[in-house]
Amino acid sequence: MENAIAVRDLVVDRGGRRVLHGLSTTVPAGAVTGLLGPSGSGKTTLMRAVVGVQRVAAGTVTVLGRPAGTAELRHRVGYLTQAPSVYADLTVRENARYFAALHGRGRAEADRAVADVGLAPAAGQLVGTLSGGQRSRASLACALVGEPELLVLDEPTVGQDPVLRADLWARFHALAAAGTTLLVSSHVMDEAARCDRLLLVRAGRIVADDTPDAVRAAAGVDDLDEAFLRLIRATERAASDADAEREVSS
């Protein structure tokens, strides 16, 4: 399978406002694809559509060859939400073992997932006593424990110190090397260079869809932050010119 995700002409409205405007893209299998853009750009909405929990107005989302949200995908897709999705009154270990059991995995797999996110020293702590960054990693362990084919991670490194961020990205690339597909969102542009491929989103539209090197080349700069700004400005100028042309034609 060449692409793990295929999105075609996706339109999503939320709260009476259009959030995604006919968005189309693909996510290659076995790679780390970064979904980057400012807060409110539509990243989380797109991820919700990929995991099948977002109502869409138009378009299609295909995941691992099946329509998003199909029952058989439940054990093939792991999803980390921005808000911690673990039980505060259970320990880290108990949470991981509970989610492992849901996927037919044992205690050894659960304990390994906890260790993989750097929480082995805190495995016996109640999640409710953890810091925000630790809770996020506890949620990540629960997403990893089922060994999904596709991991959808919404801001997984928020609140982590630089060493832990580096460790998590190393883990993401190890998973990709083993065949897992990862879609990772962030609003921090310095994480863009860690991805194999980038989807840069602005106001519900894709500004760029390519490798980090190709994005730099298209913008004519070496800095990805500056490249993103230049691409946004170019897109806005093109939209403004198109509007002016339509006014003249009418």
Protein backbone atom coordinates (compact mmCIF):
# COMPACT_ATOMS: atom_id res chain seq x y z
CA MET A 1 0.00 0.00 0.00
CA GLU A 2 1.59 3.24 -1.18
CA ASN A 3 -0.57 5.62 0.87
CA ALA A 4 -1.96 4.98 4.33
CA ILE A 5 -4.38 7.93 4.12
CA ALA A 6 -6.14 9.48 1.14
CA VAL A 7 -8.26 12.61 1.60
CA ARG A 8 -10.35 13.88 -1.30
CA ASP A 9 -12.23 17.20 -1.45
CA LEU A 10 -12.86 17.20 2.30
CA VAL A 11 -15.23 19.86 3.58
CA VAL A 12 -15.96 20.24 7.29
CA ASP A 13 -18.22 22.81 8.98
CA ARG A 14 -18.15 23.32 12.74
CA GLY A 15 -20.23 25.78 14.73
CA GLY A 16 -21.62 27.37 11.60
CA ARG A 17 -18.13 28.04 10.24
CA ARG A 18 -16.29 26.27 7.41
CA VAL A 19 -13.11 24.75 8.89
CA LEU A 20 -11.79 22.67 5.98
CA HIS A 21 -12.28 23.96 2.44
CA GLY A 22 -12.27 21.03 -0.01
CA LEU A 23 -8.96 19.71 1.26
CA SER A 24 -7.20 16.91 -0.66
CA THR A 25 -3.97 15.12 0.29
CA THR A 26 -2.34 11.75 0.84
CA VAL A 27 -0.14 10.42 3.65
CA PRO A 28 2.52 7.88 2.59
CA ALA A 29 2.72 4.58 4.45
CA GLY A 30 5.66 3.88 6.75
CA ALA A 31 6.76 7.49 7.19
CA VAL A 32 6.45 10.37 9.65
CA THR A 33 4.22 13.05 8.15
CA GLY A 34 4.05 16.34 10.01
CA LEU A 35 0.81 18.29 10.06
CA LEU A 36 1.87 21.82 10.88
CA GLY A 37 0.16 25.16 11.13
CA PRO A 38 -0.98 27.80 13.61
CA SER A 39 -3.68 27.17 16.19
CA GLY A 40 -7.10 27.19 14.56
CA SER A 41 -5.81 26.17 11.14
CA GLY A 42 -7.83 22.94 11.04
CA LYS A 43 -5.18 20.39 12.09
CA THR A 44 -7.24 18.73 14.81
CA THR A 45 -10.37 18.70 12.62
CA LEU A 46 -8.45 16.91 9.88
CA MET A 47 -7.11 14.37 12.37
CA ARG A 48 -10.60 13.76 13.75
CA ALA A 49 -11.78 13.10 10.19
CA VAL A 50 -8.93 10.62 9.67
CA VAL A 51 -9.85 8.61 12.78
CA GLY A 52 -13.53 8.74 11.84
CA VAL A 53 -14.98 10.83 14.68
CA GLN A 54 -15.65 14.01 12.71
CA ARG A 55 -18.86 14.66 10.79
CA VAL A 56 -17.99 15.86 7.29
CA ALA A 57 -20.06 17.98 4.91
CA ALA A 58 -18.48 16.59 1.73
CA GLY A 59 -15.54 14.57 0.46
CA THR A 60 -14.00 11.25 1.46
CA VAL A 61 -11.30 10.00 3.80
CA THR A 62 -9.79 6.56 3.18
CA VAL A 63 -7.58 4.99 5.86
CA LEU A 64 -5.56 1.81 5.29
CA GLY A 65 -7.77 1.08 2.30
CA ARG A 66 -11.06 1.49 4.20
CA PRO A 67 -13.44 4.40 4.81
CA ALA A 68 -12.41 6.35 7.93
CA GLY A 69 -14.25 5.19 11.04
CA THR A 70 -14.90 1.67 9.75
CA ALA A 71 -15.18 -0.80 12.63
CA GLU A 72 -12.26 -2.93 11.48
CA LEU A 73 -9.94 0.09 11.77
CA ARG A 74 -10.42 0.38 15.55
CA HIS A 75 -7.52 -1.94 16.31
CA ARG A 76 -5.39 -0.71 13.40
CA VAL A 77 -5.38 3.01 14.23
CA GLY A 78 -4.01 4.65 17.38
CA TYR A 79 -5.10 8.18 18.28
CA LEU A 80 -3.56 10.58 20.77
CA THR A 81 -5.78 13.59 21.46
CA GLN A 82 -4.51 16.94 22.71
CA ALA A 83 -6.23 16.46 26.06
CA PRO A 84 -4.98 13.44 28.06
CA SER A 85 -7.27 10.47 27.43
CA VAL A 86 -6.42 8.27 30.40
CA TYR A 87 -8.07 7.54 33.76
CA ALA A 88 -6.88 9.89 36.51
CA ASP A 89 -7.79 7.43 39.30
CA LEU A 90 -5.61 4.64 37.87
CA THR A 91 -1.83 4.42 37.85
CA VAL A 92 0.16 4.79 34.66
CA ARG A 93 0.77 1.04 34.63
CA GLU A 94 -2.91 0.21 35.27
CA ASN A 95 -3.99 2.49 32.41
CA ALA A 96 -1.51 0.91 29.99
CA ARG A 97 -2.52 -2.63 31.02
CA TYR A 98 -6.21 -1.80 30.66
CA PHE A 99 -5.75 -0.49 27.11
CA ALA A 100 -3.44 -3.40 26.31
CA ALA A 101 -6.20 -5.83 27.32
CA LEU A 102 -8.63 -4.05 24.97
CA HIS A 103 -6.24 -4.84 22.12
CA GLY A 104 -5.58 -8.41 23.22
CA ARG A 105 -2.08 -7.55 24.47
CA GLY A 106 -0.49 -8.64 27.74
CA ARG A 107 1.19 -6.96 30.69
CA ALA A 108 4.64 -7.17 29.13
CA GLU A 109 3.53 -5.12 26.12
CA ALA A 110 1.87 -2.57 28.42
CA ASP A 111 4.96 -2.19 30.58
CA ARG A 112 7.16 -1.84 27.48
CA ALA A 113 4.92 0.97 26.14
CA VAL A 114 5.24 2.81 29.46
CA ALA A 115 9.02 2.46 29.32
CA ASP A 116 9.11 3.60 25.68
CA VAL A 117 7.64 6.99 26.62
CA GLY A 118 10.03 7.43 29.56
CA LEU A 119 7.49 6.82 32.33
CA ALA A 120 8.88 3.63 33.89
CA PRO A 121 9.93 5.52 37.08
CA ALA A 122 6.37 6.85 37.43
CA ALA A 123 4.56 3.64 36.46
CA GLY A 124 3.08 3.22 39.94
CA GLN A 125 1.81 6.79 40.25
CA LEU A 126 -1.82 7.78 39.87
CA VAL A 127 -2.28 9.67 36.62
CA GLY A 128 -4.08 12.39 38.57
CA THR A 129 -0.83 13.22 40.38
CA LEU A 130 1.26 13.61 37.21
CA SER A 131 2.34 16.81 35.49
CA GLY A 132 0.64 17.81 32.24
CA GLY A 133 3.58 16.56 30.17
CA GLN A 134 3.61 13.24 32.00
CA ARG A 135 -0.13 12.78 31.46
CA SER A 136 0.40 13.36 27.75
CA ARG A 137 3.07 10.65 27.71
CA ALA A 138 0.79 8.29 29.65
CA SER A 139 -1.83 8.81 26.93
CA LEU A 140 0.82 8.17 24.29
CA ALA A 141 1.75 4.88 25.96
CA CYS A 142 -1.90 3.81 25.76
CA ALA A 143 -2.00 4.73 22.06
CA LEU A 144 1.19 2.75 21.39
CA VAL A 145 0.29 -0.38 23.31
CA GLY A 146 -1.98 -1.79 20.60
CA GLU A 147 0.89 -1.61 18.07
CA PRO A 148 -1.34 0.12 15.47
CA GLU A 149 -0.49 0.35 11.79
CA LEU A 150 -1.33 4.06 11.83
CA LEU A 151 -0.64 6.48 14.70
CA VAL A 152 -2.43 9.84 14.67
CA LEU A 153 -0.76 12.09 17.25
CA ASP A 154 -2.18 15.52 18.04
CA GLU A 155 0.52 17.75 19.57
CA PRO A 156 2.35 14.83 21.29
CA THR A 157 5.38 16.88 22.40
CA VAL A 158 3.59 19.83 24.02
CA GLY A 159 4.86 20.34 27.55
CA GLN A 160 7.89 18.07 27.14
CA ASP A 161 11.43 19.22 27.84
CA PRO A 162 13.96 19.24 24.95
CA VAL A 163 15.52 15.90 25.93
CA LEU A 164 12.17 14.13 26.11
CA ARG A 165 11.08 15.72 22.84
CA ALA A 166 14.20 14.37 21.16
CA ASP A 167 13.59 10.92 22.69
CA LEU A 168 9.98 10.89 21.49
CA TRP A 169 10.94 11.87 17.94
CA ALA A 170 13.56 9.12 17.93
CA ARG A 171 10.82 6.71 18.98
CA PHE A 172 8.50 7.98 16.21
CA HIS A 173 11.17 7.37 13.57
CA ALA A 174 11.93 3.91 14.96
CA LEU A 175 8.24 3.06 14.62
CA ALA A 176 8.20 4.35 11.04
CA ALA A 177 11.30 2.32 10.22
CA ALA A 178 9.42 -0.75 11.44
CA GLY A 179 6.50 0.00 9.11
CA THR A 180 4.15 2.15 11.20
CA THR A 181 2.67 5.26 9.57
CA LEU A 182 2.62 8.38 11.75
CA LEU A 183 0.65 11.60 11.28
CA VAL A 184 1.96 14.07 13.85
CA SER A 185 0.56 17.56 14.38
CA SER A 186 2.43 20.52 15.82
CA HIS A 187 2.27 24.30 15.79
CA VAL A 188 6.03 24.47 16.51
CA MET A 189 7.83 24.91 13.23
CA ASP A 190 11.20 23.69 14.52
CA GLU A 191 9.68 20.20 14.62
CA ALA A 192 9.00 20.33 10.89
CA ALA A 193 12.57 19.35 10.05
CA ARG A 194 12.12 16.10 12.02
CA CYS A 195 9.43 14.88 9.60
CA ASP A 196 9.83 12.88 6.40
CA ARG A 197 7.02 14.85 4.79
CA LEU A 198 5.11 18.02 5.65
CA LEU A 199 1.54 19.15 5.34
CA LEU A 200 1.45 22.88 6.06
CA VAL A 201 -2.08 24.05 6.78
CA ARG A 202 -3.45 27.57 7.03
CA ALA A 203 -7.12 28.50 7.53
CA GLY A 204 -8.35 25.07 6.46
CA ARG A 205 -6.31 24.91 3.27
CA ILE A 206 -3.04 23.17 2.42
CA VAL A 207 -0.25 25.64 1.77
CA ALA A 208 2.45 23.03 1.11
CA ASP A 209 2.58 19.24 0.79
CA ASP A 210 6.14 17.98 0.29
CA THR A 211 9.41 17.04 1.98
CA PRO A 212 11.11 19.63 4.23
CA ASP A 213 13.86 20.14 1.63
CA ALA A 214 11.32 20.68 -1.15
CA VAL A 215 9.36 23.17 0.97
CA ARG A 216 12.56 25.14 1.59
CA ALA A 217 13.42 25.05 -2.11
CA ALA A 218 9.94 26.20 -3.15
CA ALA A 219 10.18 29.19 -0.82
CA GLY A 220 13.81 29.92 -1.68
CA VAL A 221 15.00 29.94 1.94
CA ASP A 222 16.75 27.52 4.31
CA ASP A 223 14.65 28.31 7.39
CA LEU A 224 11.35 26.38 7.50
CA ASP A 225 9.64 29.02 9.62
CA GLU A 226 10.45 31.68 7.01
CA ALA A 227 9.52 29.25 4.22
CA PHE A 228 6.07 28.78 5.74
CA LEU A 229 5.57 32.56 6.00
CA ARG A 230 6.61 33.09 2.38
CA LEU A 231 4.30 30.35 1.14
CA ILE A 232 1.40 31.80 3.12
CA ARG A 233 2.01 35.26 1.67
CA ALA A 234 2.25 33.86 -1.85
CA THR A 235 -1.03 31.98 -1.37
CA GLU A 236 -2.74 35.10 -0.01
CA ARG A 237 -1.46 37.20 -2.93
CA ALA A 238 -2.74 34.62 -5.42
CA ALA A 239 -6.15 34.58 -3.73
CA SER A 240 -6.29 38.38 -3.74
CA ASP A 241 -5.36 38.53 -7.43
CA ALA A 242 -8.03 35.96 -8.24
CA ASP A 243 -10.67 37.97 -6.37
CA ALA A 244 -9.64 41.13 -8.20
CA GLU A 245 -9.85 39.34 -11.55
CA ARG A 246 -13.34 38.05 -10.76
CA GLU A 247 -14.48 41.57 -9.86
CA VAL A 248 -13.16 42.92 -13.15
CA SER A 249 -14.85 40.09 -15.08
CA SER A 250 -18.19 40.72 -13.40
